[in-house]
Amino acid sequence: MINWNFISIISIFLLISTFSFATDTDEVRINYTKCFEDKGLCKSMIDKLENSKYNSATHLAYLGGLRSIWANHASNPLSKLKTFKQGREYIEDAIKKEPQNPEIRFIRLSIQKNAPSFLGYKSNIKEDKEFIRNNRKLLASEVVLKNVNNLLED
């Protein structure tokens, strides 16, 4: 016998969880580029993603991007390097999971364009620019599309 009350409760839980992640992701999308300049906002967005239970490739890429940005805000040189490397690993893992996702490629491009040369993380700039230009139409978020257009204009 089907327990409809149980199914209803599970359905409501899943709906709330999905809405919560969408809200978190939208907030991160809106604030992502501001985090390059705003240390407090960057930390807040990292905390929000780390405390989120959702773990999609996009989530992982934003966490990696924000960690890489955080390296710029850190004061200790060893901490800067460790944080940047961890962020880079998250981004690359996200790309391995979803190599055809232009939003994830945007995140990598934004980090590679802003990373100092000595970190050696600039090898995909041309490839990502071309990929993003050819796949912009796949971006559903107006915020991400605006961020992409701004990054490609630089």
C-alpha atoms as a PDB file:
ATOM      1  CA  MET A   1       0.000   0.000   0.000  1.00  0.00           C
ATOM      2  CA  ILE A   2       1.301   3.445  -0.928  1.00  0.00           C
ATOM      3  CA  ASN A   3       1.716   5.890   1.913  1.00  0.00           C
ATOM      4  CA  TRP A   4       0.687   9.172   0.256  1.00  0.00           C
ATOM      5  CA  ASN A   5       1.554  11.256   3.323  1.00  0.00           C
ATOM      6  CA  PHE A   6       5.142  10.011   3.194  1.00  0.00           C
ATOM      7  CA  ILE A   7       5.374  10.693  -0.546  1.00  0.00           C
ATOM      8  CA  SER A   8       3.946  14.195  -0.037  1.00  0.00           C
ATOM      9  CA  ILE A   9       6.469  14.984   2.703  1.00  0.00           C
ATOM     10  CA  ILE A  10       9.382  13.742   0.568  1.00  0.00           C
ATOM     11  CA  SER A  11       8.134  15.745  -2.422  1.00  0.00           C
ATOM     12  CA  ILE A  12       7.907  18.928  -0.367  1.00  0.00           C
ATOM     13  CA  PHE A  13      11.389  18.360   1.058  1.00  0.00           C
ATOM     14  CA  LEU A  14      12.868  17.863  -2.421  1.00  0.00           C
ATOM     15  CA  LEU A  15      11.121  20.975  -3.723  1.00  0.00           C
ATOM     16  CA  ILE A  16      12.423  23.086  -0.832  1.00  0.00           C
ATOM     17  CA  SER A  17      15.952  21.686  -1.244  1.00  0.00           C
ATOM     18  CA  THR A  18      15.958  22.429  -4.965  1.00  0.00           C
ATOM     19  CA  PHE A  19      14.608  25.946  -4.402  1.00  0.00           C
ATOM     20  CA  SER A  20      17.203  26.588  -1.711  1.00  0.00           C
ATOM     21  CA  PHE A  21      20.081  25.595  -3.996  1.00  0.00           C
ATOM     22  CA  ALA A  22      18.656  27.619  -6.886  1.00  0.00           C
ATOM     23  CA  THR A  23      18.467  30.643  -4.605  1.00  0.00           C
ATOM     24  CA  ASP A  24      22.034  30.059  -3.358  1.00  0.00           C
ATOM     25  CA  THR A  25      23.326  29.616  -6.894  1.00  0.00           C
ATOM     26  CA  ASP A  26      21.526  32.716  -8.120  1.00  0.00           C
ATOM     27  CA  GLU A  27      22.978  34.712  -5.237  1.00  0.00           C
ATOM     28  CA  VAL A  28      26.478  33.426  -6.023  1.00  0.00           C
ATOM     29  CA  ARG A  29      25.980  34.194  -9.719  1.00  0.00           C
ATOM     30  CA  ILE A  30      24.926  37.747  -8.928  1.00  0.00           C
ATOM     31  CA  ASN A  31      27.842  38.327  -6.553  1.00  0.00           C
ATOM     32  CA  TYR A  32      30.588  36.306  -8.255  1.00  0.00           C
ATOM     33  CA  THR A  33      32.365  39.117 -10.109  1.00  0.00           C
ATOM     34  CA  LYS A  34      32.034  41.450  -7.114  1.00  0.00           C
ATOM     35  CA  CYS A  35      34.058  38.971  -5.051  1.00  0.00           C
ATOM     36  CA  PHE A  36      37.242  39.918  -6.921  1.00  0.00           C
ATOM     37  CA  GLU A  37      37.114  43.255  -5.072  1.00  0.00           C
ATOM     38  CA  ASP A  38      35.066  42.508  -1.936  1.00  0.00           C
ATOM     39  CA  LYS A  39      36.789  40.242   0.605  1.00  0.00           C
ATOM     40  CA  GLY A  40      33.790  40.001   2.951  1.00  0.00           C
ATOM     41  CA  LEU A  41      31.405  39.126   0.155  1.00  0.00           C
ATOM     42  CA  CYS A  42      33.843  36.514  -1.174  1.00  0.00           C
ATOM     43  CA  LYS A  43      34.076  34.854   2.240  1.00  0.00           C
ATOM     44  CA  SER A  44      30.296  34.927   2.610  1.00  0.00           C
ATOM     45  CA  MET A  45      29.762  33.255  -0.774  1.00  0.00           C
ATOM     46  CA  ILE A  46      32.363  30.562   0.009  1.00  0.00           C
ATOM     47  CA  ASP A  47      30.649  29.842   3.327  1.00  0.00           C
ATOM     48  CA  LYS A  48      27.266  29.651   1.623  1.00  0.00           C
ATOM     49  CA  LEU A  49      28.502  27.102  -0.930  1.00  0.00           C
ATOM     50  CA  GLU A  50      30.470  25.072   1.602  1.00  0.00           C
ATOM     51  CA  ASN A  51      27.395  24.797   3.812  1.00  0.00           C
ATOM     52  CA  SER A  52      25.145  23.851   0.906  1.00  0.00           C
ATOM     53  CA  LYS A  53      24.382  20.165   0.588  1.00  0.00           C
ATOM     54  CA  TYR A  54      23.993  20.375  -3.190  1.00  0.00           C
ATOM     55  CA  ASN A  55      27.068  19.338  -5.158  1.00  0.00           C
ATOM     56  CA  SER A  56      26.630  19.777  -8.907  1.00  0.00           C
ATOM     57  CA  ALA A  57      29.502  20.495 -11.261  1.00  0.00           C
ATOM     58  CA  THR A  58      28.372  24.143 -11.399  1.00  0.00           C
ATOM     59  CA  HIS A  59      28.371  24.322  -7.596  1.00  0.00           C
ATOM     60  CA  LEU A  60      31.871  22.850  -7.512  1.00  0.00           C
ATOM     61  CA  ALA A  61      33.084  25.288 -10.183  1.00  0.00           C
ATOM     62  CA  TYR A  62      31.754  28.327  -8.314  1.00  0.00           C
ATOM     63  CA  LEU A  63      33.309  27.083  -5.085  1.00  0.00           C
ATOM     64  CA  GLY A  64      36.596  26.636  -6.943  1.00  0.00           C
ATOM     65  CA  GLY A  65      36.341  30.049  -8.527  1.00  0.00           C
ATOM     66  CA  LEU A  66      35.609  31.710  -5.214  1.00  0.00           C
ATOM     67  CA  ARG A  67      38.446  29.859  -3.480  1.00  0.00           C
ATOM     68  CA  SER A  68      40.809  31.003  -6.230  1.00  0.00           C
ATOM     69  CA  ILE A  69      39.574  34.567  -5.795  1.00  0.00           C
ATOM     70  CA  TRP A  70      39.973  34.205  -2.013  1.00  0.00           C
ATOM     71  CA  ALA A  71      43.685  33.544  -2.533  1.00  0.00           C
ATOM     72  CA  ASN A  72      43.956  37.165  -3.656  1.00  0.00           C
ATOM     73  CA  HIS A  73      42.420  38.326  -0.364  1.00  0.00           C
ATOM     74  CA  ALA A  74      44.538  36.086   1.898  1.00  0.00           C
ATOM     75  CA  SER A  75      47.588  37.627   3.552  1.00  0.00           C
ATOM     76  CA  ASN A  76      49.856  34.624   4.109  1.00  0.00           C
ATOM     77  CA  PRO A  77      51.766  33.625   0.921  1.00  0.00           C
ATOM     78  CA  LEU A  78      51.567  29.887   1.705  1.00  0.00           C
ATOM     79  CA  SER A  79      47.866  30.167   2.399  1.00  0.00           C
ATOM     80  CA  LYS A  80      47.390  32.080  -0.857  1.00  0.00           C
ATOM     81  CA  LEU A  81      49.075  29.336  -2.870  1.00  0.00           C
ATOM     82  CA  LYS A  82      47.280  26.473  -1.108  1.00  0.00           C
ATOM     83  CA  THR A  83      43.886  28.150  -1.493  1.00  0.00           C
ATOM     84  CA  PHE A  84      44.480  28.956  -5.149  1.00  0.00           C
ATOM     85  CA  LYS A  85      45.563  25.395  -5.941  1.00  0.00           C
ATOM     86  CA  GLN A  86      42.503  23.978  -4.210  1.00  0.00           C
ATOM     87  CA  GLY A  87      40.243  26.323  -6.146  1.00  0.00           C
ATOM     88  CA  ARG A  88      41.927  25.387  -9.410  1.00  0.00           C
ATOM     89  CA  GLU A  89      41.429  21.675  -8.628  1.00  0.00           C
ATOM     90  CA  TYR A  90      37.717  22.223  -7.979  1.00  0.00           C
ATOM     91  CA  ILE A  91      37.324  24.080 -11.271  1.00  0.00           C
ATOM     92  CA  GLU A  92      39.164  21.406 -13.233  1.00  0.00           C
ATOM     93  CA  ASP A  93      37.120  18.639 -11.555  1.00  0.00           C
ATOM     94  CA  ALA A  94      33.930  20.480 -12.516  1.00  0.00           C
ATOM     95  CA  ILE A  95      35.093  20.746 -16.124  1.00  0.00           C
ATOM     96  CA  LYS A  96      35.873  17.021 -16.182  1.00  0.00           C
ATOM     97  CA  LYS A  97      32.306  16.354 -15.003  1.00  0.00           C
ATOM     98  CA  GLU A  98      30.677  18.742 -17.497  1.00  0.00           C
ATOM     99  CA  PRO A  99      33.134  19.787 -20.220  1.00  0.00           C
ATOM    100  CA  GLN A 100      30.353  21.215 -22.406  1.00  0.00           C
ATOM    101  CA  ASN A 101      28.990  23.584 -19.723  1.00  0.00           C
ATOM    102  CA  PRO A 102      29.710  27.193 -20.785  1.00  0.00           C
ATOM    103  CA  GLU A 103      29.046  28.537 -17.278  1.00  0.00           C
ATOM    104  CA  ILE A 104      31.833  26.376 -15.855  1.00  0.00           C
ATOM    105  CA  ARG A 105      34.130  27.455 -18.689  1.00  0.00           C
ATOM    106  CA  PHE A 106      33.268  31.079 -17.835  1.00  0.00           C
ATOM    107  CA  ILE A 107      34.392  30.504 -14.262  1.00  0.00           C
ATOM    108  CA  ARG A 108      37.707  29.019 -15.396  1.00  0.00           C
ATOM    109  CA  LEU A 109      38.232  31.839 -17.889  1.00  0.00           C
ATOM    110  CA  SER A 110      37.541  34.481 -15.247  1.00  0.00           C
ATOM    111  CA  ILE A 111      40.160  32.953 -12.950  1.00  0.00           C
ATOM    112  CA  GLN A 112      42.760  32.364 -15.657  1.00  0.00           C
ATOM    113  CA  LYS A 113      42.438  35.918 -17.000  1.00  0.00           C
ATOM    114  CA  ASN A 114      42.984  37.327 -13.504  1.00  0.00           C
ATOM    115  CA  ALA A 115      45.610  34.881 -12.201  1.00  0.00           C
ATOM    116  CA  PRO A 116      49.222  36.038 -12.009  1.00  0.00           C
ATOM    117  CA  SER A 117      51.398  34.429 -14.693  1.00  0.00           C
ATOM    118  CA  PHE A 118      53.745  32.782 -12.194  1.00  0.00           C
ATOM    119  CA  LEU A 119      50.909  30.492 -11.054  1.00  0.00           C
ATOM    120  CA  GLY A 120      50.900  28.829 -14.465  1.00  0.00           C
ATOM    121  CA  TYR A 121      47.128  28.750 -14.804  1.00  0.00           C
ATOM    122  CA  LYS A 122      46.526  30.512 -18.089  1.00  0.00           C
ATOM    123  CA  SER A 123      46.649  27.719 -20.663  1.00  0.00           C
ATOM    124  CA  ASN A 124      42.925  27.548 -21.489  1.00  0.00           C
ATOM    125  CA  ILE A 125      42.103  31.216 -22.096  1.00  0.00           C
ATOM    126  CA  LYS A 126      41.901  31.053 -25.891  1.00  0.00           C
ATOM    127  CA  GLU A 127      40.071  27.696 -25.864  1.00  0.00           C
ATOM    128  CA  ASP A 128      37.519  28.856 -23.264  1.00  0.00           C
ATOM    129  CA  LYS A 129      36.856  32.183 -25.020  1.00  0.00           C
ATOM    130  CA  GLU A 130      36.111  30.373 -28.259  1.00  0.00           C
ATOM    131  CA  PHE A 131      33.989  27.728 -26.543  1.00  0.00           C
ATOM    132  CA  ILE A 132      31.966  30.338 -24.665  1.00  0.00           C
ATOM    133  CA  ARG A 133      31.426  32.477 -27.776  1.00  0.00           C
ATOM    134  CA  ASN A 134      30.140  29.420 -29.642  1.00  0.00           C
ATOM    135  CA  ASN A 135      27.898  28.229 -26.783  1.00  0.00           C
ATOM    136  CA  ARG A 136      26.539  31.421 -25.212  1.00  0.00           C
ATOM    137  CA  LYS A 137      23.042  30.449 -26.285  1.00  0.00           C
ATOM    138  CA  LEU A 138      23.128  27.595 -23.755  1.00  0.00           C
ATOM    139  CA  LEU A 139      23.351  30.011 -20.814  1.00  0.00           C
ATOM    140  CA  ALA A 140      19.946  30.225 -19.166  1.00  0.00           C
ATOM    141  CA  SER A 141      20.850  32.853 -16.579  1.00  0.00           C
ATOM    142  CA  GLU A 142      20.762  36.498 -17.663  1.00  0.00           C
ATOM    143  CA  VAL A 143      23.234  37.317 -14.888  1.00  0.00           C
ATOM    144  CA  VAL A 144      25.745  34.779 -16.170  1.00  0.00           C
ATOM    145  CA  LEU A 145      25.251  35.966 -19.745  1.00  0.00           C
ATOM    146  CA  LYS A 146      25.948  39.553 -18.649  1.00  0.00           C
ATOM    147  CA  ASN A 147      29.066  38.424 -16.735  1.00  0.00           C
ATOM    148  CA  VAL A 148      30.242  36.419 -19.743  1.00  0.00           C
ATOM    149  CA  ASN A 149      29.768  39.371 -22.101  1.00  0.00           C
ATOM    150  CA  ASN A 150      31.675  41.667 -19.720  1.00  0.00           C
ATOM    151  CA  LEU A 151      34.541  39.201 -19.425  1.00  0.00           C
ATOM    152  CA  LEU A 152      34.791  38.673 -23.181  1.00  0.00           C
ATOM    153  CA  GLU A 153      34.846  42.451 -23.788  1.00  0.00           C
ATOM    154  CA  ASP A 154      37.913  42.918 -21.572  1.00  0.00           C
END
